Protein backbone atom coordinates (compact mmCIF):
# COMPACT_ATOMS: atom_id res chain seq x y z
CA MET A 1 -31.13 -5.76 -46.34
CA LEU A 2 -28.76 -3.87 -44.17
CA LEU A 3 -25.96 -3.99 -46.84
CA HIS A 4 -28.49 -2.76 -49.44
CA TYR A 5 -29.27 0.36 -47.47
CA VAL A 6 -25.66 1.13 -46.93
CA HIS A 7 -25.14 0.82 -50.70
CA LEU A 8 -28.34 3.07 -51.13
CA ALA A 9 -26.74 5.48 -48.66
CA LEU A 10 -23.36 5.65 -50.34
CA ARG A 11 -25.20 6.28 -53.88
CA SER A 12 -27.38 9.11 -52.17
CA LEU A 13 -24.21 10.78 -50.64
CA ARG A 14 -22.64 10.74 -54.03
CA ARG A 15 -25.55 12.42 -55.72
CA ASN A 16 -25.27 15.32 -53.53
CA PRO A 17 -21.71 15.47 -52.19
CA LEU A 18 -21.65 19.12 -51.12
CA LEU A 19 -24.45 18.73 -48.37
CA ALA A 20 -22.98 15.46 -47.20
CA ALA A 21 -19.46 16.88 -47.01
CA LEU A 22 -20.80 19.74 -44.98
CA ALA A 23 -22.67 17.54 -42.65
CA VAL A 24 -19.52 15.37 -42.15
CA LEU A 25 -17.21 18.36 -41.60
CA ILE A 26 -19.61 20.02 -39.15
CA LEU A 27 -19.85 16.75 -37.18
CA ALA A 28 -16.12 16.11 -37.26
CA LEU A 29 -15.47 19.81 -35.92
CA GLY A 30 -17.76 19.16 -33.11
CA ILE A 31 -16.17 15.60 -32.18
CA ALA A 32 -12.61 17.12 -32.50
CA ALA A 33 -13.24 19.93 -30.24
CA SER A 34 -15.26 17.89 -27.44
CA MET A 35 -12.80 14.83 -27.57
CA THR A 36 -9.59 17.12 -27.34
CA SER A 37 -11.01 18.66 -24.06
CA LEU A 38 -12.58 15.41 -22.71
CA THR A 39 -9.24 13.57 -23.26
CA VAL A 40 -7.48 16.07 -21.07
CA LEU A 41 -10.29 15.66 -18.45
CA HIS A 42 -10.17 11.92 -18.63
CA ILE A 43 -6.19 11.72 -18.23
CA LEU A 44 -6.24 14.02 -15.14
CA SER A 45 -9.18 12.06 -13.64
CA ALA A 46 -7.82 8.74 -14.31
CA ASP A 47 -6.46 6.49 -11.60
CA PRO A 48 -2.64 6.26 -12.19
CA MET A 49 -2.42 3.02 -10.06
CA PRO A 50 -5.58 0.96 -10.18
CA GLY A 51 -6.08 -1.07 -7.13
CA GLN A 52 -3.38 0.75 -5.22
CA THR A 53 -4.88 4.30 -4.78
CA SER A 54 -7.59 3.03 -2.53
CA ARG A 55 -5.07 1.99 0.00
CA LEU A 56 -3.16 5.23 0.06
CA HIS A 57 -3.86 8.03 2.62
CA VAL A 58 -2.46 11.31 3.91
CA PRO A 59 -2.52 12.27 7.49
CA ALA A 60 -3.14 15.86 8.38
CA PHE A 61 -3.24 17.97 11.56
CA ASP A 62 -4.29 21.35 12.62
CA ASN A 63 -1.00 22.69 14.39
CA SER A 64 -1.88 26.45 13.94
CA ALA A 65 -0.94 28.81 16.68
CA ALA A 66 -3.38 29.81 19.48
CA ASP A 67 -3.51 33.35 18.00
CA ARG A 68 -4.20 32.28 14.48
CA ARG A 69 -6.04 34.54 12.02
CA GLU A 70 -9.79 33.74 11.40
CA GLY A 71 -10.17 31.42 8.53
CA ASP A 72 -6.93 29.60 9.29
CA SER A 73 -8.49 26.59 10.95
CA GLY A 74 -8.56 23.17 9.51
CA PRO A 75 -5.90 20.59 8.43
CA ALA A 76 -2.74 21.81 7.03
CA LEU A 77 -1.78 20.47 3.63
CA MET A 78 1.67 19.38 4.95
CA LEU A 79 3.28 18.07 8.09
CA SER A 80 5.85 19.56 10.42
CA TRP A 81 9.09 17.65 11.03
CA GLN A 82 7.79 16.97 14.66
CA ASP A 83 4.81 15.35 13.67
CA THR A 84 6.56 13.36 10.86
CA GLN A 85 9.13 12.03 13.38
CA ALA A 86 6.30 11.02 15.68
CA LEU A 87 4.35 9.08 12.88
CA LEU A 88 7.38 7.46 11.65
CA ALA A 89 8.14 6.15 15.13
CA ARG A 90 4.53 5.08 15.90
CA GLY A 91 4.16 3.11 12.53
CA GLY A 92 0.88 1.48 12.42
CA ALA A 93 0.58 1.45 8.75
CA GLN A 94 1.63 -1.28 6.03
CA ARG A 95 4.08 1.16 4.55
CA GLN A 96 4.75 4.76 5.23
CA ALA A 97 6.88 7.44 3.69
CA ALA A 98 7.43 11.08 4.29
CA MET A 99 8.93 13.30 1.58
CA TYR A 100 10.07 16.74 0.39
CA GLY A 101 11.58 18.21 -2.58
CA VAL A 102 15.40 19.05 -2.86
CA GLY A 103 17.33 20.87 -5.49
CA LEU A 104 20.96 20.02 -5.71
CA THR A 105 23.89 20.85 -7.85
CA VAL A 106 25.05 17.82 -9.87
CA ASN A 107 28.65 17.51 -10.77
CA PRO A 108 28.79 14.96 -13.63
CA GLN A 109 31.82 12.75 -14.24
CA ARG A 110 30.97 12.23 -17.86
CA ALA A 111 33.20 14.29 -20.24
CA GLY A 112 31.75 17.37 -21.82
CA LEU A 113 28.95 17.70 -19.21
CA PRO A 114 28.98 20.70 -17.09
CA SER A 115 27.63 21.08 -13.52
CA PHE A 116 23.97 21.80 -13.40
CA LEU A 117 21.11 22.32 -10.83
CA GLU A 118 18.64 19.20 -10.59
CA THR A 119 15.40 18.66 -8.58
CA GLY A 120 15.09 15.48 -6.69
CA LEU A 121 13.08 13.92 -3.79
CA ALA A 122 14.11 13.02 -0.16
CA THR A 123 11.85 10.27 0.86
CA GLY A 124 11.72 6.99 2.66
CA VAL A 125 12.38 3.33 1.14
CA ASP A 126 8.59 2.61 1.19
CA PHE A 127 7.89 5.23 -1.37
CA PHE A 128 8.95 2.97 -4.37
CA ALA A 129 6.63 0.21 -3.35
CA MET A 130 3.61 2.48 -2.31
CA PHE A 131 3.58 4.29 -5.76
CA GLN A 132 4.64 1.29 -7.83
CA ALA A 133 7.88 2.56 -9.10
CA PRO A 134 9.29 0.25 -11.84
CA PHE A 135 13.01 -0.38 -11.79
CA ALA A 136 15.09 -1.20 -14.82
CA ARG A 137 18.30 -1.92 -12.85
CA GLY A 138 18.81 -2.52 -9.32
CA GLY A 139 16.20 -1.47 -6.79
CA PRO A 140 15.63 0.65 -3.80
CA TRP A 141 18.05 1.23 -1.10
CA SER A 142 17.90 -1.00 1.99
CA ALA A 143 15.92 -0.45 5.06
CA ASP A 144 19.13 -0.11 7.01
CA ASP A 145 20.23 2.60 4.36
CA ASP A 146 17.09 4.20 5.08
CA ALA A 147 17.35 4.31 9.06
CA GLN A 148 20.93 5.31 8.82
CA GLY A 149 20.51 8.03 6.16
CA ARG A 150 23.29 6.73 3.98
CA ASP A 151 24.67 8.28 0.84
CA VAL A 152 22.62 6.25 -1.66
CA VAL A 153 20.54 7.31 -4.54
CA VAL A 154 18.04 6.05 -7.06
CA LEU A 155 18.01 7.68 -10.53
CA SER A 156 15.29 8.23 -12.96
CA ALA A 157 15.70 6.72 -16.36
CA PRO A 158 16.36 9.98 -18.30
CA PHE A 159 18.65 11.16 -15.63
CA ALA A 160 20.68 8.11 -15.59
CA GLU A 161 20.96 8.15 -19.51
CA LYS A 162 22.05 11.77 -19.23
CA LEU A 163 24.82 11.06 -16.69
CA PHE A 164 26.00 7.66 -17.72
CA GLY A 165 24.85 7.24 -21.38
CA SER A 166 24.53 3.62 -22.26
CA ALA A 167 26.90 2.51 -19.36
CA ASP A 168 25.57 0.53 -16.37
CA PRO A 169 25.21 3.08 -13.42
CA LEU A 170 24.78 0.60 -10.61
CA GLY A 171 27.26 0.86 -8.01
CA ALA A 172 28.71 4.00 -9.63
CA THR A 173 28.65 7.45 -7.90
CA VAL A 174 26.77 10.72 -8.51
CA MET A 175 28.19 13.89 -7.03
CA LEU A 176 25.24 15.82 -5.47
CA LYS A 177 26.40 19.06 -3.89
CA ASP A 178 30.03 17.82 -3.69
CA ARG A 179 29.04 14.67 -2.10
CA PRO A 180 29.31 11.15 -3.66
CA TYR A 181 26.16 8.99 -3.55
CA ARG A 182 26.04 5.44 -4.67
CA VAL A 183 23.57 4.44 -7.20
CA ALA A 184 21.31 1.68 -5.74
CA GLY A 185 18.99 1.55 -8.61
CA VAL A 186 17.49 2.95 -11.77
CA LEU A 187 13.82 3.45 -12.57
CA ALA A 188 12.38 2.36 -15.77
CA PRO A 189 10.77 5.06 -17.91
CA TRP A 190 7.74 5.99 -15.66
CA ARG A 191 5.57 8.96 -15.60
CA PRO A 192 2.26 8.53 -13.63
CA VAL A 193 -0.52 10.88 -14.61
CA PRO A 194 -1.65 12.47 -12.45
CA ARG A 195 1.35 12.36 -10.30
CA LEU A 196 0.01 12.11 -6.83
CA TRP A 197 2.86 13.40 -4.69
CA ARG A 198 4.38 16.83 -4.42
CA LEU A 199 1.19 18.58 -5.71
CA SER A 200 2.17 21.46 -3.55
CA GLY A 201 5.52 21.83 -5.13
CA GLY A 202 4.91 20.82 -8.80
CA SER A 203 2.31 19.91 -11.28
CA PRO A 204 0.04 16.78 -11.47
CA ILE A 205 1.34 16.22 -15.00
CA GLY A 206 5.02 16.92 -14.17
CA PRO A 207 7.72 14.44 -14.57
CA VAL A 208 9.23 12.14 -11.96
CA GLU A 209 12.00 13.62 -9.95
CA ALA A 210 15.38 12.97 -11.43
CA TYR A 211 16.69 11.37 -8.23
CA MET A 212 15.70 10.14 -4.93
CA ILE A 213 17.71 10.13 -1.79
CA PRO A 214 16.87 8.91 1.93
CA LEU A 215 14.95 11.58 3.95
CA ARG A 216 17.24 11.19 6.92
CA ASN A 217 20.20 11.77 4.74
CA ALA A 218 18.70 14.94 3.60
CA ILE A 219 17.75 16.07 7.17
CA ALA A 220 21.23 15.31 8.34
CA ARG A 221 22.78 17.33 5.50
CA GLU A 222 20.34 20.16 6.20
CA LEU A 223 19.11 20.26 2.72
CA PRO A 224 16.45 23.14 2.29
CA ASN A 225 13.03 22.26 1.16
CA ASP A 226 12.71 23.05 -2.63
CA GLY A 227 8.92 23.33 -2.41
CA TRP A 228 6.00 24.71 -0.29
CA THR A 229 6.57 25.76 3.31
CA SER A 230 4.20 27.50 5.73
CA CYS A 231 5.12 28.38 9.26
CA SER A 232 2.91 29.77 12.18
CA GLY A 233 4.29 31.75 15.03
CA SER A 234 7.84 33.08 15.46
CA ARG A 235 10.95 30.84 15.18
CA GLU A 236 14.75 31.21 15.76
CA PRO A 237 17.19 31.20 12.88
CA GLY A 238 19.00 27.91 11.97
CA TRP A 239 18.29 24.50 10.68
CA ASP A 240 17.56 22.85 14.16
CA ALA A 241 15.12 25.74 15.02
CA PHE A 242 13.41 25.27 11.74
CA LEU A 243 12.87 21.43 12.47
CA ARG A 244 11.36 22.35 16.00
CA ALA A 245 9.20 25.12 14.67
CA GLU A 246 5.46 24.74 13.65
CA CYS A 247 6.50 24.74 9.89
CA ASN A 248 4.58 22.50 7.51
CA TRP A 249 6.82 21.39 4.57
CA LEU A 250 6.81 17.55 4.48
CA GLU A 251 4.40 15.24 2.76
CA TYR A 252 3.53 11.96 4.63
CA TRP A 253 1.83 9.13 2.86
CA VAL A 254 0.65 5.76 4.32
CA GLU A 255 -0.59 2.65 2.82
CA LEU A 256 -3.26 0.93 4.67
CA GLU A 257 -5.57 -2.07 4.15
CA PRO A 258 -9.28 -1.07 4.70
CA VAL A 259 -9.31 -3.02 8.16
CA GLN A 260 -6.34 -0.93 9.21
CA VAL A 261 -8.03 2.44 8.61
CA PRO A 262 -9.98 2.74 11.88
CA ALA A 263 -7.06 1.73 13.98
CA TYR A 264 -4.69 4.13 12.29
CA ARG A 265 -7.31 7.03 12.69
CA ALA A 266 -7.28 6.24 16.41
CA LEU A 267 -3.41 6.34 16.24
CA LEU A 268 -3.61 9.75 14.70
CA ASP A 269 -6.08 11.09 17.18
CA ALA A 270 -3.98 9.52 20.14
CA HIS A 271 -0.99 11.69 18.62
CA VAL A 272 -3.19 14.87 18.76
CA GLU A 273 -4.09 14.29 22.45
CA GLU A 274 -0.49 13.74 23.22
CA GLN A 275 0.62 16.97 21.46
CA ARG A 276 -2.24 18.96 23.23
CA ARG A 277 -0.87 17.84 26.43
CA LEU A 278 2.71 18.80 25.51
CA GLY A 279 1.26 22.33 24.81
CA ARG A 280 1.15 22.00 20.91
CA MET A 281 -1.90 21.91 18.62
CA PRO A 282 -4.17 24.24 20.85
CA ASN A 283 -6.84 24.31 18.09
CA ALA A 284 -6.89 20.71 16.98
CA GLN A 285 -9.72 18.54 18.17
CA HIS A 286 -9.06 15.39 15.96
CA ALA A 287 -6.71 14.34 13.16
CA TRP A 288 -7.70 13.94 9.47
CA LEU A 289 -6.91 11.13 7.15
CA ARG A 290 -7.33 12.25 3.55
CA THR A 291 -7.92 9.63 0.57
CA VAL A 292 -6.18 10.13 -2.79
CA GLN A 293 -9.55 11.59 -4.21
CA GLU A 294 -9.68 14.10 -1.28
CA ARG A 295 -6.15 14.96 -1.69
CA ALA A 296 -6.58 15.68 -5.34
CA LYS A 297 -9.58 17.86 -4.79
CA GLU A 298 -7.60 19.79 -2.11
CA PHE A 299 -5.03 20.69 -4.77
CA ASN A 300 -7.42 21.06 -7.50
CA VAL A 301 -5.83 18.40 -9.76
CA VAL A 302 -8.83 18.63 -12.14
CA GLY A 303 -9.18 22.31 -12.20
CA GLU A 304 -12.41 24.18 -12.85
CA ASP A 305 -11.00 25.59 -16.13
CA THR A 306 -10.62 22.08 -17.36
CA ARG A 307 -14.02 21.19 -16.46
CA LEU A 308 -15.42 24.28 -18.00
CA GLN A 309 -13.58 23.76 -21.27
CA ALA A 310 -15.02 20.18 -21.47
CA ALA A 311 -18.48 21.56 -20.83
CA LEU A 312 -18.14 24.19 -23.39
CA SER A 313 -16.75 21.75 -25.89
CA LEU A 314 -19.80 19.54 -25.39
CA ALA A 315 -22.06 22.50 -25.93
CA PHE A 316 -20.24 23.24 -29.28
CA LEU A 317 -20.79 19.66 -30.22
CA ALA A 318 -24.69 20.11 -29.39
CA ALA A 319 -24.56 23.17 -31.62
CA CYS A 320 -22.87 21.23 -34.50
CA LEU A 321 -25.58 18.55 -34.09
CA VAL A 322 -28.35 21.04 -34.50
CA ASN A 323 -26.64 22.23 -37.77
CA VAL A 324 -26.30 18.71 -38.99
CA VAL A 325 -30.17 18.25 -38.23
CA GLY A 326 -30.97 21.07 -40.59
CA LEU A 327 -28.62 19.62 -43.29
CA LEU A 328 -30.12 16.22 -43.07
CA ALA A 329 -33.57 17.64 -43.22
CA ALA A 330 -32.68 19.53 -46.28
CA ARG A 331 -31.29 16.44 -47.79
CA TYR A 332 -34.21 14.41 -47.19
CA ALA A 333 -36.75 17.08 -47.98
CA ASN A 334 -35.18 17.35 -51.60
CA ARG A 335 -35.78 13.61 -51.85
CA ALA A 336 -39.59 13.53 -51.26
CA GLY A 337 -40.39 12.45 -54.71
CA GLU A 338 -38.06 9.43 -54.32
CA ILE A 339 -39.61 8.52 -50.97
CA GLY A 340 -43.18 8.75 -52.48
CA VAL A 341 -42.29 6.30 -55.28
CA ARG A 342 -40.78 3.87 -52.76
CA ARG A 343 -43.80 4.10 -50.60
CA ALA A 344 -46.18 3.43 -53.62
CA LEU A 345 -44.01 0.48 -54.50
CA GLY A 346 -44.77 -0.97 -51.17
CA ALA A 347 -41.99 0.08 -48.88
CA SER A 348 -43.31 0.51 -45.32
CA ARG A 349 -42.58 3.70 -43.12
CA ARG A 350 -40.39 1.37 -40.96
CA GLN A 351 -38.30 0.62 -44.04
CA VAL A 352 -37.96 4.12 -45.07
CA MET A 353 -36.97 5.29 -41.77
CA LEU A 354 -34.40 2.49 -41.34
CA GLN A 355 -32.89 3.52 -44.95
CA PHE A 356 -32.38 6.99 -43.73
CA LEU A 357 -31.08 6.00 -40.38
CA VAL A 358 -28.43 3.87 -42.13
CA GLU A 359 -27.60 7.04 -44.19
CA SER A 360 -27.13 9.02 -41.02
CA GLY A 361 -25.00 6.29 -39.84
CA VAL A 362 -22.82 6.37 -42.71
CA VAL A 363 -22.39 10.23 -42.22
CA GLY A 364 -21.61 9.44 -38.52
CA LEU A 365 -18.78 7.13 -39.35
CA ALA A 366 -17.34 9.45 -41.94
CA GLY A 367 -17.67 12.25 -39.20
CA ALA A 368 -15.97 9.81 -36.73
CA ALA A 369 -12.92 9.09 -39.13
CA LEU A 370 -12.51 12.70 -39.84
CA GLY A 371 -13.04 13.78 -36.29
CA LEU A 372 -10.38 11.38 -34.99
CA LEU A 373 -7.83 12.76 -37.55
CA MET A 374 -8.70 16.21 -36.20
CA THR A 375 -8.57 15.10 -32.62
CA TRP A 376 -5.21 13.51 -33.09
CA GLY A 377 -4.01 16.76 -34.80
CA GLY A 378 -5.19 18.88 -31.87
CA LEU A 379 -3.55 16.69 -29.22
CA ALA A 380 -0.43 16.75 -31.15
CA LEU A 381 -0.31 20.49 -31.24
CA MET A 382 -1.06 20.63 -27.68
CA GLY A 383 1.78 18.23 -27.02
CA ARG A 384 4.20 20.38 -28.84
CA ARG A 385 3.60 23.25 -26.46
CA GLY A 386 5.63 21.33 -23.67
CA GLU A 387 6.57 18.06 -22.26
CA ASN A 388 3.93 18.27 -19.62
CA LEU A 389 1.11 18.91 -21.88
CA ALA A 390 2.38 15.89 -24.06
CA ALA A 391 1.64 13.75 -21.02
CA VAL A 392 -1.92 14.43 -21.05
CA ALA A 393 -2.55 14.66 -24.85
CA GLN A 394 -2.79 11.02 -25.25
CA LEU A 395 -5.82 9.40 -27.04
CA ASP A 396 -6.16 6.07 -25.32
CA ALA A 397 -8.42 3.02 -26.28
CA PRO A 398 -11.44 4.17 -24.08
CA MET A 399 -11.31 7.62 -25.66
CA LEU A 400 -10.97 6.25 -29.14
CA ALA A 401 -14.11 4.12 -28.56
CA LEU A 402 -15.99 7.05 -27.09
CA THR A 403 -15.05 9.26 -30.16
CA VAL A 404 -16.57 6.73 -32.49
CA ALA A 405 -19.61 6.07 -30.19
CA LEU A 406 -20.24 9.65 -29.82
CA SER A 407 -19.94 10.46 -33.55
CA LEU A 408 -22.19 7.48 -34.56
CA ALA A 409 -24.75 8.46 -31.62
CA GLY A 410 -24.73 12.04 -32.49
CA ALA A 411 -25.41 11.39 -36.27
CA LEU A 412 -28.27 8.94 -35.50
CA ALA A 413 -29.66 11.36 -32.94
CA ALA A 414 -29.42 14.26 -35.50
CA GLY A 415 -31.11 12.13 -38.08
CA LEU A 416 -34.15 11.07 -36.13
CA TRP A 417 -36.28 13.84 -36.75
CA PRO A 418 -35.54 14.35 -40.46
CA THR A 419 -35.94 10.60 -40.84
CA TRP A 420 -39.18 10.68 -39.14
CA ARG A 421 -40.37 13.35 -41.32
CA ALA A 422 -39.19 11.48 -44.45
CA SER A 423 -41.20 8.42 -43.35
CA ARG A 424 -44.35 10.49 -43.04
CA VAL A 425 -44.27 11.34 -46.78
CA ARG A 426 -47.70 10.48 -48.46
CA PRO A 427 -47.25 8.51 -51.73
CA ALA A 428 -50.50 9.94 -53.22
CA MET A 429 -49.53 13.68 -52.70
CA GLN A 430 -45.97 13.14 -54.09
CA LEU A 431 -47.10 11.12 -57.17
CA LYS A 432 -49.81 13.67 -58.02
CA SER A 433 -47.26 16.45 -57.85
CA GLN A 434 -44.73 14.78 -60.15
């Protein structure tokens, strides 16, 4: 019987193609507009490392000066070098990594490639395991390289291809600011979205840094921070004075199992008490341990404009559905005579309603197909505006399923009232008027 109703629906749509096409087009426009915005929201809200993000945390302290301005209280977004050194020495986490951005001149050895400035990351060896960085060749530098701050580097896949082409770069050297770094590993193509680290110095949809070097190597070479820095109080000039100052400029991430969290919170509070006895952190009462979700909220990864755009697109879809209701009501009203004949021949109200709901479903499927094409087109246009936007303009399987489900549900919901009215047609009144 269902196949029969589908056949009747197709015949009916062919009899009045203009109204049918208009209903499909309006539904498709609403679906495309809403799904384009919802896809961006979905990608930015996604978990880039399922099962791992719940174990990642960011310690935070209030190391503001005693004479701070009103409103400056609360945890700093970054850590000072003093606090970073202390936490690295204390340990207490399954893994831990401090990091900051560096911008260095690259002197390629490849013929025809001139020197250029490139952004990298100074971090610890635990960074790669914490953020599940995949390796195509080699691996991270050793723990001893990390502790000694040796001249070793890990390259991203695009950066390695740019410098070495198809040649194997393992063991080769890369000149970074006129200093040779031995290549320990090359990452596989990798672009987590949203990117959890360096939210203060970049974009959550930005690419992975071109290269990574040991944190202690960057500190020893006095490589300046290529990112956000906030200092409280006065300080003397020079790199050593900067490291001793109350300047927050380093990110610090730890990986903790759930059972380790209470002990690590106690460790952070003990650090605060120790620093207060040393004359630091006059305004701090305790430490903070941010989750990934709290960190993302602090940096507004999913911005209010993204949420507002998604809400407006859903409102536009609702307006489209109202118009589809009117078009379906007009279609079914013009077929009152046909309905009267069917009822007179013994069709029940339930059968009439089911027939017209199937017809609404066919409209929904057609709207889903056209809406998908429009959605792909909209995301493709968005992706052409830049590499970062291309990272979020991806229609994955869940959003594909949501597109079809939303279109079908919308068409069926829009057809409920017209279908109910059609099923209430009185056969005698319609036959008498023929």
